[in-house]
Amino acid sequence: MIYIKRIVKFDDSTSTGNFYALDLDIWAETEHNITSDKRLGIGRDSAGAETAIFIQVEPDGDTFKISDENGREFLFFNRRNWIELRKMKGADKYKPMSVSENGTIWIGESFKGCNFRVFTKLEG
């Protein structure tokens, strides 16, 4: 596993008690593979889907789940150990990534060899 230098405009490397959170009633973890050095393959059936992509940047990539009083389950990613991949340029800068028509997402060379967790938004 390769851990990368943070290349985002904010630095959470000393963050304590800060987390990314996903509602697992809205987001589903999807299988993925690296199709080339620069693309993350999600699958053509997910074309156009909004995604949440987390990249492990520290060896201790702790995550945990919590259920609320209504039975909804939430997954938490420690911001010290994970970053969220979002669009970096153009009019859609900082918006979530979308799956292209061929079922891939451009990730560039910066994240080569990293551990990814990929989620797609459920319909409905």
N, C-alpha and C. Protein backbone atom coordinates (compact mmCIF):
# COMPACT_ATOMS: atom_id res chain seq x y z
N MET A 1 0.84 -1.17 0.00
CA MET A 1 0.00 0.00 0.00
C MET A 1 0.89 1.23 0.00
N ILE A 2 0.55 2.17 -0.83
CA ILE A 2 1.28 3.43 -0.92
C ILE A 2 0.44 4.52 -0.28
N TYR A 3 1.06 5.32 0.54
CA TYR A 3 0.35 6.45 1.15
C TYR A 3 0.92 7.71 0.56
N ILE A 4 0.05 8.64 0.22
CA ILE A 4 0.46 9.81 -0.53
C ILE A 4 0.51 11.05 0.32
N LYS A 5 1.24 11.99 -0.18
CA LYS A 5 1.24 13.32 0.41
C LYS A 5 -0.11 13.95 0.09
N ARG A 6 -0.66 14.67 1.01
CA ARG A 6 -1.93 15.34 0.78
C ARG A 6 -1.75 16.40 -0.29
N ILE A 7 -2.59 16.33 -1.33
CA ILE A 7 -2.46 17.29 -2.42
C ILE A 7 -3.75 18.10 -2.56
N VAL A 8 -4.42 18.31 -1.47
CA VAL A 8 -5.65 19.08 -1.48
C VAL A 8 -5.39 20.43 -0.83
N LYS A 9 -6.32 21.34 -0.94
CA LYS A 9 -6.11 22.70 -0.45
C LYS A 9 -6.28 22.83 1.06
N PHE A 10 -6.61 21.76 1.73
CA PHE A 10 -6.73 21.79 3.18
C PHE A 10 -5.90 20.65 3.74
N ASP A 11 -5.47 20.79 4.96
CA ASP A 11 -4.62 19.79 5.59
C ASP A 11 -5.28 19.31 6.88
N ASP A 12 -5.77 18.08 6.86
CA ASP A 12 -6.37 17.49 8.04
C ASP A 12 -5.43 16.50 8.72
N SER A 13 -4.13 16.57 8.43
CA SER A 13 -3.19 15.58 8.95
C SER A 13 -3.08 15.59 10.47
N THR A 14 -3.45 16.68 11.10
CA THR A 14 -3.42 16.73 12.57
C THR A 14 -4.83 16.79 13.15
N SER A 15 -5.80 16.49 12.33
CA SER A 15 -7.21 16.55 12.73
C SER A 15 -7.51 15.56 13.84
N THR A 16 -8.28 16.00 14.82
CA THR A 16 -8.71 15.13 15.91
C THR A 16 -10.22 15.26 16.05
N GLY A 17 -10.91 14.15 15.92
CA GLY A 17 -12.36 14.17 16.11
C GLY A 17 -13.15 14.70 14.93
N ASN A 18 -12.53 14.82 13.74
CA ASN A 18 -13.24 15.27 12.55
C ASN A 18 -13.40 14.10 11.60
N PHE A 19 -14.61 13.96 11.04
CA PHE A 19 -14.92 12.80 10.21
C PHE A 19 -15.72 13.19 8.99
N TYR A 20 -15.54 12.43 7.91
CA TYR A 20 -16.48 12.42 6.80
C TYR A 20 -17.54 11.41 7.20
N ALA A 21 -18.79 11.62 6.81
CA ALA A 21 -19.86 10.68 7.15
C ALA A 21 -20.73 10.42 5.93
N LEU A 22 -21.14 9.18 5.76
CA LEU A 22 -22.06 8.80 4.69
C LEU A 22 -23.25 8.07 5.29
N ASP A 23 -24.44 8.40 4.82
CA ASP A 23 -25.66 7.70 5.20
C ASP A 23 -25.77 6.48 4.29
N LEU A 24 -25.65 5.29 4.84
CA LEU A 24 -25.64 4.07 4.03
C LEU A 24 -27.04 3.71 3.52
N ASP A 25 -28.06 4.47 3.88
CA ASP A 25 -29.39 4.32 3.26
C ASP A 25 -29.44 5.08 1.94
N ILE A 26 -28.48 5.98 1.73
CA ILE A 26 -28.44 6.80 0.52
C ILE A 26 -27.27 6.39 -0.38
N TRP A 27 -26.20 5.90 0.21
CA TRP A 27 -24.98 5.54 -0.51
C TRP A 27 -24.69 4.05 -0.36
N ALA A 28 -24.25 3.41 -1.45
CA ALA A 28 -23.88 1.99 -1.42
C ALA A 28 -22.44 1.85 -1.89
N GLU A 29 -21.67 1.06 -1.15
CA GLU A 29 -20.29 0.82 -1.57
C GLU A 29 -20.31 -0.06 -2.80
N THR A 30 -19.50 0.31 -3.77
CA THR A 30 -19.48 -0.42 -5.04
C THR A 30 -18.10 -1.00 -5.30
N GLU A 31 -18.09 -2.12 -6.00
CA GLU A 31 -16.81 -2.72 -6.37
C GLU A 31 -16.15 -1.84 -7.42
N HIS A 32 -14.83 -1.84 -7.42
CA HIS A 32 -14.09 -1.02 -8.36
C HIS A 32 -12.75 -1.66 -8.63
N ASN A 33 -12.11 -1.22 -9.69
CA ASN A 33 -10.75 -1.66 -10.01
C ASN A 33 -10.03 -0.53 -10.71
N ILE A 34 -8.72 -0.60 -10.69
CA ILE A 34 -7.92 0.38 -11.41
C ILE A 34 -7.77 -0.15 -12.83
N THR A 35 -8.37 0.55 -13.81
CA THR A 35 -8.35 0.08 -15.19
C THR A 35 -7.07 0.47 -15.91
N SER A 36 -6.45 1.52 -15.48
CA SER A 36 -5.14 1.94 -15.97
C SER A 36 -4.53 2.73 -14.83
N ASP A 37 -3.40 3.31 -15.04
CA ASP A 37 -2.78 4.09 -13.96
C ASP A 37 -3.59 5.32 -13.60
N LYS A 38 -4.51 5.73 -14.46
CA LYS A 38 -5.20 6.99 -14.25
C LYS A 38 -6.71 6.89 -14.16
N ARG A 39 -7.28 5.69 -14.19
CA ARG A 39 -8.74 5.55 -14.17
C ARG A 39 -9.18 4.51 -13.15
N LEU A 40 -10.30 4.82 -12.53
CA LEU A 40 -10.93 3.93 -11.57
C LEU A 40 -12.16 3.35 -12.26
N GLY A 41 -12.21 2.04 -12.44
CA GLY A 41 -13.32 1.38 -13.11
C GLY A 41 -14.44 1.06 -12.13
N ILE A 42 -15.63 1.58 -12.41
CA ILE A 42 -16.80 1.35 -11.56
C ILE A 42 -17.78 0.40 -12.25
N GLY A 43 -17.93 0.54 -13.56
CA GLY A 43 -18.84 -0.29 -14.34
C GLY A 43 -19.81 0.57 -15.12
N ARG A 44 -20.11 0.13 -16.34
CA ARG A 44 -20.99 0.90 -17.22
C ARG A 44 -22.40 1.05 -16.66
N ASP A 45 -22.84 0.11 -15.83
CA ASP A 45 -24.18 0.22 -15.25
C ASP A 45 -24.28 1.40 -14.27
N SER A 46 -23.14 1.95 -13.85
CA SER A 46 -23.12 3.11 -12.96
C SER A 46 -22.88 4.42 -13.70
N ALA A 47 -22.90 4.41 -15.04
CA ALA A 47 -22.63 5.61 -15.82
C ALA A 47 -23.56 6.74 -15.40
N GLY A 48 -22.98 7.90 -15.18
CA GLY A 48 -23.75 9.08 -14.78
C GLY A 48 -24.03 9.18 -13.30
N ALA A 49 -23.72 8.14 -12.56
CA ALA A 49 -24.01 8.12 -11.12
C ALA A 49 -23.10 9.07 -10.36
N GLU A 50 -23.67 9.70 -9.34
CA GLU A 50 -22.87 10.53 -8.44
C GLU A 50 -22.12 9.59 -7.51
N THR A 51 -20.88 9.94 -7.21
CA THR A 51 -20.06 9.08 -6.36
C THR A 51 -19.51 9.83 -5.17
N ALA A 52 -19.13 9.07 -4.17
CA ALA A 52 -18.33 9.56 -3.05
C ALA A 52 -17.12 8.64 -3.02
N ILE A 53 -15.94 9.22 -3.21
CA ILE A 53 -14.70 8.44 -3.29
C ILE A 53 -13.77 8.90 -2.19
N PHE A 54 -13.33 7.94 -1.39
CA PHE A 54 -12.41 8.24 -0.29
C PHE A 54 -11.10 7.52 -0.55
N ILE A 55 -10.00 8.24 -0.29
CA ILE A 55 -8.66 7.72 -0.54
C ILE A 55 -7.90 7.70 0.78
N GLN A 56 -7.36 6.54 1.10
CA GLN A 56 -6.61 6.38 2.34
C GLN A 56 -5.24 7.03 2.19
N VAL A 57 -4.92 7.99 3.07
CA VAL A 57 -3.64 8.71 2.97
C VAL A 57 -2.70 8.42 4.14
N GLU A 58 -3.17 7.67 5.10
CA GLU A 58 -2.34 7.28 6.25
C GLU A 58 -2.53 5.79 6.50
N PRO A 59 -1.54 5.12 7.08
CA PRO A 59 -1.63 3.67 7.31
C PRO A 59 -2.83 3.27 8.17
N ASP A 60 -3.17 4.08 9.16
CA ASP A 60 -4.29 3.74 10.03
C ASP A 60 -5.57 4.32 9.44
N GLY A 61 -6.17 3.60 8.50
CA GLY A 61 -7.37 4.09 7.82
C GLY A 61 -8.63 3.70 8.55
N ASP A 62 -8.77 4.17 9.79
CA ASP A 62 -9.90 3.73 10.60
C ASP A 62 -11.21 4.32 10.10
N THR A 63 -12.21 3.44 10.07
CA THR A 63 -13.59 3.80 9.76
C THR A 63 -14.45 3.09 10.79
N PHE A 64 -15.67 3.59 10.98
CA PHE A 64 -16.60 2.88 11.86
C PHE A 64 -18.02 3.22 11.47
N LYS A 65 -18.95 2.34 11.87
CA LYS A 65 -20.37 2.53 11.57
C LYS A 65 -21.13 2.79 12.86
N ILE A 66 -22.15 3.64 12.73
CA ILE A 66 -23.04 3.94 13.85
C ILE A 66 -24.47 3.94 13.32
N SER A 67 -25.37 3.35 14.08
CA SER A 67 -26.79 3.39 13.74
C SER A 67 -27.48 4.42 14.61
N ASP A 68 -28.44 5.15 14.02
CA ASP A 68 -29.18 6.11 14.83
C ASP A 68 -30.43 5.45 15.41
N GLU A 69 -31.24 6.23 16.12
CA GLU A 69 -32.42 5.69 16.79
C GLU A 69 -33.48 5.19 15.81
N ASN A 70 -33.39 5.61 14.54
CA ASN A 70 -34.34 5.16 13.52
C ASN A 70 -33.82 3.97 12.72
N GLY A 71 -32.65 3.47 13.08
CA GLY A 71 -32.07 2.31 12.41
C GLY A 71 -31.26 2.65 11.17
N ARG A 72 -31.10 3.93 10.87
CA ARG A 72 -30.26 4.33 9.74
C ARG A 72 -28.81 4.15 10.12
N GLU A 73 -28.03 3.65 9.18
CA GLU A 73 -26.62 3.36 9.45
C GLU A 73 -25.73 4.40 8.76
N PHE A 74 -24.75 4.90 9.49
CA PHE A 74 -23.81 5.88 8.98
C PHE A 74 -22.40 5.34 9.06
N LEU A 75 -21.61 5.61 8.02
CA LEU A 75 -20.21 5.19 7.98
C LEU A 75 -19.36 6.44 8.12
N PHE A 76 -18.39 6.40 9.02
CA PHE A 76 -17.52 7.53 9.30
C PHE A 76 -16.08 7.22 8.88
N PHE A 77 -15.44 8.20 8.25
CA PHE A 77 -14.03 8.13 7.84
C PHE A 77 -13.28 9.21 8.60
N ASN A 78 -12.23 8.84 9.30
CA ASN A 78 -11.41 9.81 10.03
C ASN A 78 -10.69 10.71 9.03
N ARG A 79 -10.88 12.02 9.15
CA ARG A 79 -10.29 12.97 8.20
C ARG A 79 -8.77 13.00 8.28
N ARG A 80 -8.20 12.52 9.34
CA ARG A 80 -6.74 12.47 9.45
C ARG A 80 -6.19 11.40 8.50
N ASN A 81 -6.97 10.35 8.25
CA ASN A 81 -6.49 9.20 7.50
C ASN A 81 -7.06 9.06 6.09
N TRP A 82 -8.10 9.82 5.77
CA TRP A 82 -8.78 9.73 4.48
C TRP A 82 -9.00 11.12 3.90
N ILE A 83 -8.99 11.21 2.56
CA ILE A 83 -9.43 12.42 1.88
C ILE A 83 -10.56 12.03 0.93
N GLU A 84 -11.42 12.98 0.64
CA GLU A 84 -12.50 12.73 -0.32
C GLU A 84 -12.06 13.30 -1.66
N LEU A 85 -12.18 12.48 -2.70
CA LEU A 85 -11.82 12.91 -4.05
C LEU A 85 -13.00 13.65 -4.66
N ARG A 86 -12.75 14.87 -5.11
CA ARG A 86 -13.76 15.70 -5.77
C ARG A 86 -13.14 16.32 -7.02
N LYS A 87 -13.98 16.88 -7.86
CA LYS A 87 -13.48 17.53 -9.07
C LYS A 87 -12.55 18.67 -8.68
N MET A 88 -11.48 18.85 -9.46
CA MET A 88 -10.45 19.81 -9.09
C MET A 88 -10.41 21.05 -9.97
N LYS A 89 -11.09 21.01 -11.13
CA LYS A 89 -10.98 22.14 -12.06
C LYS A 89 -12.35 22.47 -12.66
N GLY A 90 -12.42 23.63 -13.28
CA GLY A 90 -13.58 24.02 -14.07
C GLY A 90 -14.76 24.50 -13.25
N ALA A 91 -15.88 24.62 -13.93
CA ALA A 91 -17.10 25.14 -13.31
C ALA A 91 -17.63 24.24 -12.21
N ASP A 92 -17.33 22.94 -12.30
CA ASP A 92 -17.81 21.98 -11.30
C ASP A 92 -16.79 21.71 -10.20
N LYS A 93 -15.82 22.59 -10.06
CA LYS A 93 -14.77 22.43 -9.06
C LYS A 93 -15.37 22.18 -7.68
N TYR A 94 -14.83 21.19 -6.98
CA TYR A 94 -15.21 20.77 -5.63
C TYR A 94 -16.53 19.99 -5.57
N LYS A 95 -17.14 19.72 -6.70
CA LYS A 95 -18.36 18.91 -6.71
C LYS A 95 -17.98 17.43 -6.75
N PRO A 96 -18.90 16.54 -6.36
CA PRO A 96 -18.60 15.11 -6.40
C PRO A 96 -18.28 14.62 -7.81
N MET A 97 -17.48 13.58 -7.89
CA MET A 97 -17.13 12.98 -9.17
C MET A 97 -18.35 12.22 -9.71
N SER A 98 -18.43 12.11 -11.04
CA SER A 98 -19.48 11.33 -11.70
C SER A 98 -18.82 10.26 -12.56
N VAL A 99 -19.53 9.15 -12.72
CA VAL A 99 -19.02 8.05 -13.53
C VAL A 99 -19.28 8.38 -15.01
N SER A 100 -18.25 8.26 -15.84
CA SER A 100 -18.38 8.55 -17.27
C SER A 100 -19.19 7.46 -17.96
N GLU A 101 -19.51 7.67 -19.24
CA GLU A 101 -20.31 6.72 -20.01
C GLU A 101 -19.64 5.36 -20.11
N ASN A 102 -18.31 5.31 -20.09
CA ASN A 102 -17.62 4.03 -20.20
C ASN A 102 -17.40 3.37 -18.83
N GLY A 103 -17.98 3.94 -17.78
CA GLY A 103 -17.93 3.32 -16.45
C GLY A 103 -16.68 3.60 -15.66
N THR A 104 -15.95 4.67 -16.00
CA THR A 104 -14.72 4.98 -15.28
C THR A 104 -14.76 6.38 -14.70
N ILE A 105 -13.83 6.62 -13.79
CA ILE A 105 -13.62 7.94 -13.21
C ILE A 105 -12.13 8.24 -13.30
N TRP A 106 -11.82 9.42 -13.81
CA TRP A 106 -10.43 9.86 -13.93
C TRP A 106 -9.88 10.17 -12.54
N ILE A 107 -8.76 9.53 -12.18
CA ILE A 107 -8.15 9.81 -10.88
C ILE A 107 -6.75 10.39 -11.00
N GLY A 108 -6.16 10.36 -12.18
CA GLY A 108 -4.82 10.90 -12.37
C GLY A 108 -3.74 9.99 -11.80
N GLU A 109 -2.52 10.44 -11.88
CA GLU A 109 -1.40 9.63 -11.40
C GLU A 109 -1.09 9.83 -9.93
N SER A 110 -1.60 10.87 -9.33
CA SER A 110 -1.28 11.19 -7.94
C SER A 110 -1.72 10.10 -6.97
N PHE A 111 -2.75 9.34 -7.32
CA PHE A 111 -3.32 8.37 -6.40
C PHE A 111 -2.97 6.93 -6.77
N LYS A 112 -2.00 6.75 -7.64
CA LYS A 112 -1.57 5.42 -8.06
C LYS A 112 -1.14 4.59 -6.86
N GLY A 113 -1.69 3.39 -6.73
CA GLY A 113 -1.33 2.48 -5.64
C GLY A 113 -2.03 2.73 -4.33
N CYS A 114 -2.97 3.67 -4.29
CA CYS A 114 -3.67 4.00 -3.04
C CYS A 114 -4.88 3.08 -2.82
N ASN A 115 -5.33 3.04 -1.60
CA ASN A 115 -6.53 2.30 -1.24
C ASN A 115 -7.73 3.22 -1.40
N PHE A 116 -8.72 2.79 -2.17
CA PHE A 116 -9.93 3.56 -2.42
C PHE A 116 -11.14 2.87 -1.80
N ARG A 117 -12.11 3.66 -1.37
CA ARG A 117 -13.44 3.15 -1.06
C ARG A 117 -14.40 4.00 -1.87
N VAL A 118 -15.21 3.33 -2.69
CA VAL A 118 -16.06 4.02 -3.65
C VAL A 118 -17.53 3.72 -3.33
N PHE A 119 -18.34 4.78 -3.34
CA PHE A 119 -19.76 4.68 -3.05
C PHE A 119 -20.53 5.37 -4.17
N THR A 120 -21.66 4.79 -4.56
CA THR A 120 -22.54 5.45 -5.52
C THR A 120 -23.85 5.76 -4.82
N LYS A 121 -24.46 6.85 -5.26
CA LYS A 121 -25.72 7.30 -4.67
C LYS A 121 -26.84 6.40 -5.17
N LEU A 122 -27.65 5.90 -4.24
CA LEU A 122 -28.77 5.05 -4.61
C LEU A 122 -29.88 5.89 -5.22
N GLU A 123 -30.60 5.30 -6.16
CA GLU A 123 -31.71 6.01 -6.77
C GLU A 123 -32.89 6.05 -5.82
N GLY A 124 -33.68 7.10 -5.96
CA GLY A 124 -34.90 7.14 -5.17
C GLY A 124 -34.93 8.25 -4.24
